Protein backbone atom coordinates (compact mmCIF):
# COMPACT_ATOMS: atom_id res chain seq x y z
CA MET A 1 -63.21 -20.55 -35.52
CA ASN A 2 -59.51 -20.76 -34.62
CA LEU A 3 -59.26 -23.74 -32.28
CA THR A 4 -55.94 -22.61 -30.77
CA ARG A 5 -57.50 -19.31 -29.77
CA SER A 6 -60.58 -21.11 -28.50
CA ILE A 7 -58.53 -23.37 -26.23
CA GLY A 8 -56.97 -20.29 -24.68
CA GLU A 9 -60.42 -18.83 -24.09
CA THR A 10 -61.38 -21.82 -21.95
CA GLN A 11 -59.30 -20.22 -19.21
CA GLY A 12 -61.51 -17.10 -19.31
CA PRO A 13 -64.35 -16.12 -16.96
CA HIS A 14 -67.11 -16.94 -19.49
CA PHE A 15 -65.94 -20.54 -19.76
CA TYR A 16 -65.93 -21.01 -15.99
CA ALA A 17 -69.35 -19.37 -15.70
CA GLU A 18 -70.77 -21.83 -18.23
CA MET A 19 -68.97 -24.72 -16.57
CA GLY A 20 -70.49 -23.67 -13.26
CA GLU A 21 -73.95 -23.72 -14.83
CA LEU A 22 -73.27 -27.21 -16.20
CA ILE A 23 -72.21 -28.39 -12.75
CA SER A 24 -75.30 -26.89 -11.10
CA ASN A 25 -77.58 -28.69 -13.59
CA SER A 26 -76.13 -32.16 -12.95
CA GLY A 27 -79.01 -34.54 -12.47
CA HIS A 28 -81.46 -32.27 -14.30
CA GLU A 29 -82.95 -32.26 -17.79
CA ARG A 30 -80.92 -29.22 -18.88
CA PHE A 31 -77.58 -30.96 -18.33
CA ALA A 32 -77.27 -32.28 -21.90
CA ALA A 33 -78.30 -28.95 -23.44
CA ASP A 34 -75.78 -27.08 -21.28
CA MET A 35 -73.02 -29.46 -22.32
CA LEU A 36 -73.92 -29.02 -25.99
CA HIS A 37 -73.86 -25.24 -25.58
CA LEU A 38 -70.49 -25.37 -23.80
CA VAL A 39 -68.70 -27.68 -26.26
CA ASP A 40 -70.23 -26.35 -29.48
CA LYS A 41 -68.51 -22.98 -29.01
CA TRP A 42 -65.12 -24.61 -29.54
CA VAL A 43 -65.88 -27.82 -31.44
CA PRO A 44 -68.98 -27.61 -33.67
CA ILE A 45 -71.40 -30.49 -32.99
CA HIS A 46 -75.04 -31.10 -33.90
CA LEU A 47 -76.08 -33.54 -31.20
CA VAL A 48 -74.93 -34.85 -27.84
CA ASP A 49 -76.22 -38.07 -26.26
CA LEU A 50 -75.41 -39.00 -22.66
CA SER A 51 -75.77 -42.69 -21.84
CA GLU A 52 -74.91 -45.21 -19.16
CA TRP A 53 -74.05 -48.77 -20.18
CA THR A 54 -74.27 -51.71 -17.79
CA LEU A 55 -72.05 -54.60 -18.90
CA ASP A 56 -71.79 -58.26 -17.98
CA GLU A 57 -68.00 -58.44 -18.17
CA LEU A 58 -67.88 -62.19 -17.51
CA ARG A 59 -70.04 -62.88 -20.57
CA ASP A 60 -68.77 -59.96 -22.66
CA SER A 61 -72.30 -58.69 -23.12
CA VAL A 62 -74.47 -55.62 -22.60
CA LEU A 63 -77.17 -55.78 -19.92
CA ASP A 64 -78.61 -52.33 -20.49
CA ILE A 65 -78.09 -48.95 -22.14
CA LYS A 66 -79.93 -45.98 -20.65
CA LEU A 67 -80.16 -42.52 -22.16
CA LEU A 68 -79.41 -39.93 -19.48
CA GLY A 69 -79.91 -36.89 -21.67
CA SER A 70 -79.89 -35.70 -25.26
CA ALA A 71 -79.76 -32.32 -26.99
CA GLY A 72 -79.27 -31.03 -30.50
CA LEU A 73 -80.58 -31.27 -34.06
CA LYS A 74 -81.60 -34.90 -34.50
CA LYS A 75 -83.34 -34.18 -37.78
CA GLU A 76 -79.98 -33.50 -39.46
CA LEU A 77 -78.66 -36.92 -38.49
CA SER A 78 -79.90 -40.03 -40.21
CA VAL A 79 -81.02 -42.99 -38.08
CA PRO A 80 -81.23 -46.41 -39.76
CA GLN A 81 -84.33 -48.53 -39.24
CA THR A 82 -82.53 -51.82 -38.63
CA LEU A 83 -80.87 -52.34 -35.24
CA HIS A 84 -78.26 -55.01 -34.59
CA PRO A 85 -77.96 -56.74 -31.20
CA LEU A 86 -76.33 -54.63 -28.49
CA ASN A 87 -73.37 -56.99 -28.24
CA ASP A 88 -72.45 -56.12 -31.84
CA HIS A 89 -72.37 -52.40 -31.08
CA PRO A 90 -69.10 -50.87 -32.36
CA LEU A 91 -68.39 -49.27 -28.97
CA MET A 92 -68.65 -52.60 -27.18
CA ARG A 93 -65.22 -53.97 -28.13
CA GLU A 94 -63.45 -50.82 -26.96
CA MET A 95 -65.29 -50.53 -23.65
CA LEU A 96 -65.13 -54.10 -22.31
CA ARG A 97 -61.51 -54.17 -21.13
CA MET A 98 -60.94 -50.46 -20.63
CA GLN A 99 -59.41 -49.18 -17.40
CA ASP A 100 -58.65 -45.52 -18.10
CA PRO A 101 -60.99 -42.99 -19.77
CA LEU A 102 -61.21 -43.34 -23.54
CA LEU A 103 -61.86 -41.18 -26.57
CA ILE A 104 -63.35 -43.30 -29.35
CA GLN A 105 -63.70 -41.76 -32.77
CA MET A 106 -66.11 -43.34 -35.24
CA LYS A 107 -66.21 -42.00 -38.78
CA ALA A 108 -69.48 -41.91 -40.67
CA LYS A 109 -70.39 -45.12 -42.53
CA ALA A 110 -73.04 -44.86 -45.22
CA ASN A 111 -74.38 -48.38 -44.64
CA SER A 112 -74.11 -48.54 -40.86
CA ALA A 113 -76.85 -50.60 -39.19
CA HIS A 114 -76.32 -49.00 -35.78
CA PRO A 115 -78.04 -45.93 -34.33
CA LEU A 116 -76.46 -42.78 -35.76
CA GLY A 117 -73.64 -44.90 -37.17
CA SER A 118 -73.90 -43.01 -40.45
CA SER A 119 -72.79 -39.83 -38.63
CA HIS A 120 -69.34 -38.71 -37.49
CA GLN A 121 -68.91 -39.48 -33.78
CA CYS A 122 -66.58 -38.69 -30.92
CA ASN A 123 -67.32 -40.73 -27.79
CA LEU A 124 -65.84 -39.96 -24.37
CA VAL A 125 -66.04 -42.95 -22.02
CA SER A 126 -65.29 -43.51 -18.34
CA ARG A 127 -65.53 -46.64 -16.22
CA GLN A 128 -67.08 -47.26 -12.81
CA GLY A 129 -67.18 -50.98 -12.03
CA ASN A 130 -69.39 -52.67 -14.63
CA ARG A 131 -70.85 -49.33 -15.71
CA ARG A 132 -69.64 -47.09 -18.53
CA CYS A 133 -70.59 -43.43 -18.74
CA VAL A 134 -70.58 -42.32 -22.39
CA ILE A 135 -70.70 -38.80 -23.85
CA SER A 136 -71.35 -39.02 -27.59
CA PHE A 137 -70.87 -36.01 -29.88
CA TYR A 138 -72.24 -36.22 -33.44
CA ARG A 139 -71.88 -34.45 -36.77
CA PRO A 140 -73.93 -35.16 -39.91
CA PRO A 141 -72.14 -37.12 -42.66
CA THR A 142 -72.41 -34.12 -45.00
CA GLN A 143 -69.82 -32.31 -42.87
CA ARG A 144 -66.16 -33.14 -42.29
CA GLY A 145 -65.15 -35.51 -39.53
CA PHE A 146 -63.46 -34.44 -36.30
CA SER A 147 -59.94 -33.15 -36.89
CA LEU A 148 -56.93 -34.22 -34.81
CA ALA A 149 -56.87 -30.79 -33.14
CA GLU A 150 -60.56 -31.09 -32.24
CA LEU A 151 -60.11 -34.62 -30.90
CA SER A 152 -57.14 -33.48 -28.82
CA PHE A 153 -59.19 -30.60 -27.43
CA LEU A 154 -62.12 -32.90 -26.55
CA LYS A 155 -59.72 -35.35 -24.90
CA CYS A 156 -58.42 -32.55 -22.66
CA LEU A 157 -61.97 -31.39 -21.93
CA SER A 158 -62.96 -34.96 -21.03
CA ASP A 159 -60.95 -34.66 -17.80
CA THR A 160 -63.69 -32.27 -16.67
CA LEU A 161 -66.74 -33.54 -18.58
CA LEU A 162 -66.51 -37.24 -17.65
CA PRO A 163 -66.48 -36.72 -13.85
CA LEU A 164 -69.48 -34.41 -14.30
CA MET A 165 -71.20 -37.07 -16.38
CA GLU A 166 -70.57 -39.65 -13.64
CA ARG A 167 -72.05 -37.28 -11.07
CA HIS A 168 -75.06 -36.67 -13.35
CA ALA A 169 -75.64 -40.44 -13.65
CA GLN A 170 -75.28 -40.93 -9.89
CA LEU A 171 -77.78 -38.16 -9.12
CA LEU A 172 -80.32 -39.64 -11.53
CA ARG A 173 -80.00 -43.05 -9.85
CA GLN A 174 -80.82 -41.41 -6.52
CA VAL A 175 -84.02 -39.79 -7.80
CA PRO A 176 -87.24 -41.71 -6.98
CA HIS A 177 -88.21 -44.00 -9.85
CA THR A 178 -91.32 -42.07 -10.90
CA GLU A 179 -89.31 -38.87 -11.34
CA ALA A 180 -86.27 -40.50 -12.94
CA GLU A 181 -88.20 -42.40 -15.62
CA PRO A 182 -88.03 -39.71 -18.39
CA ALA A 183 -84.27 -39.31 -18.02
CA HIS A 184 -83.78 -43.05 -17.88
CA THR A 185 -85.51 -43.85 -21.17
CA LEU A 186 -83.84 -46.84 -22.77
CA LEU A 187 -81.60 -45.92 -25.66
CA GLU A 188 -81.85 -49.47 -26.97
CA GLN A 189 -83.61 -52.45 -25.36
CA SER A 190 -81.80 -55.72 -24.94
CA GLN A 191 -83.13 -58.74 -26.78
CA LEU A 192 -84.39 -60.28 -23.54
CA GLN A 193 -86.30 -57.10 -22.69
CA ARG A 194 -87.89 -56.96 -26.11
CA GLU A 195 -88.96 -60.60 -25.81
CA PHE A 196 -90.30 -59.98 -22.30
CA TYR A 197 -92.50 -57.08 -23.40
CA LYS A 198 -93.60 -59.03 -26.47
CA ARG A 199 -94.68 -61.95 -24.27
CA LEU A 200 -96.60 -59.56 -21.99
CA ALA A 201 -98.40 -58.04 -24.96
CA LEU A 202 -99.30 -61.43 -26.44
CA SER A 203 -100.59 -62.61 -23.06
CA ASP A 204 -102.54 -59.35 -22.57
CA ILE A 205 -101.02 -59.01 -19.09
CA THR A 206 -100.25 -55.68 -17.42
CA LEU A 207 -97.49 -55.46 -14.82
CA SER A 208 -96.58 -52.34 -12.87
CA ALA A 209 -93.25 -50.65 -13.60
CA ARG A 210 -91.77 -52.10 -10.39
CA GLU A 211 -93.04 -55.60 -11.17
CA GLN A 212 -91.46 -55.38 -14.63
CA GLU A 213 -88.13 -54.22 -13.18
CA VAL A 214 -88.08 -57.07 -10.67
CA CYS A 215 -88.95 -59.69 -13.31
CA LEU A 216 -86.30 -58.40 -15.72
CA GLY A 217 -83.76 -58.20 -12.90
CA LEU A 218 -84.35 -61.83 -11.98
CA LEU A 219 -84.38 -62.99 -15.61
CA THR A 220 -80.99 -61.36 -16.21
CA GLY A 221 -79.44 -63.18 -13.26
CA GLY A 222 -79.84 -60.60 -10.51
CA THR A 223 -80.37 -61.64 -6.91
CA VAL A 224 -83.05 -60.26 -4.61
CA PRO A 225 -80.50 -58.22 -2.55
CA GLN A 226 -78.93 -56.82 -5.74
CA ILE A 227 -82.27 -55.75 -7.18
CA ALA A 228 -83.34 -54.31 -3.81
CA GLU A 229 -80.17 -52.22 -3.66
CA LYS A 230 -80.64 -51.00 -7.25
CA LEU A 231 -84.24 -49.96 -6.60
CA SER A 232 -83.51 -48.66 -3.07
CA VAL A 233 -86.15 -50.87 -1.42
CA LYS A 234 -86.15 -53.73 1.09
CA ASN A 235 -85.62 -57.36 0.12
CA SER A 236 -89.16 -58.09 1.30
CA SER A 237 -90.49 -55.53 -1.17
CA ILE A 238 -88.78 -57.36 -4.04
CA GLU A 239 -90.38 -60.61 -2.88
CA THR A 240 -93.77 -58.89 -2.79
CA TYR A 241 -93.37 -57.50 -6.31
CA LEU A 242 -92.36 -60.96 -7.53
CA LYS A 243 -95.39 -62.60 -5.90
CA ARG A 244 -97.72 -60.03 -7.47
CA ALA A 245 -96.15 -60.47 -10.89
CA ALA A 246 -96.17 -64.27 -10.60
CA ALA A 247 -99.87 -64.23 -9.69
CA LYS A 248 -100.69 -62.15 -12.76
CA LEU A 249 -98.56 -64.39 -14.98
CA GLY A 250 -99.98 -67.57 -13.49
CA VAL A 251 -96.59 -68.92 -12.42
CA SER A 252 -94.79 -69.70 -9.17
CA GLY A 253 -91.49 -68.06 -8.23
CA ARG A 254 -88.35 -67.40 -10.21
CA HIS A 255 -88.26 -70.76 -11.98
CA GLY A 256 -91.87 -70.36 -13.05
CA LEU A 257 -91.01 -66.92 -14.41
CA ALA A 258 -88.17 -68.39 -16.48
CA LYS A 259 -90.46 -71.11 -17.86
CA TRP A 260 -93.08 -68.51 -18.75
CA MET A 261 -90.42 -66.49 -20.56
CA VAL A 262 -89.52 -69.38 -22.86
CA GLY A 263 -93.16 -70.25 -23.40
CA SER A 264 -93.26 -73.60 -21.58
């Protein structure tokens, strides 16, 4: 398809109709599929992933990566079995000090140890405080990488797509936890989270989803008011969840939780 002609067509009624549908589906499961359908008409892509990163900018580290939607042909893209720590992720260096929206191109690498790193990627990134909203477009390594014209087109389109992505992420955060869980599946778990769940499994202890969130929030340095705000509950509720979790773990308070985590 002629990209120059396609860019002109984005001013037509069909483009605005599809953009309106994308806007109306913000916060819903169809959002990623609608974005794929919209973009693929002008820049061929096989997969789109929408994710929200939470960074600890003081320690130059990743606290969490959540998948907020995905659509496309995953089977055509290879995914390596070995995962490196989140802080070694190739996007990390670019996103830490960013102020303005970014377009980050990553060419396919045959021996990449990161998720979908062996595919061609174009990542659109925006910043809101310590959060980064990321739209990732992928092509299989058997096809050519993104051309300069395609990258330029996606950069222009990002002025519209990134604010919609931020709205999508905000709407998902406002949904009650039980409904938001499928859309907030972790793209990759941090090392601390993996160790936490491993310790639970070895101890044969079952915590509720809320109790797990509170424990992980405290273990990663969060305060009771911060966790309460994130979960949209009262401070007293956080204290209650902590007491319930501590009773099941056989510990006392936050310090006891930390000692349990390290096995002492």
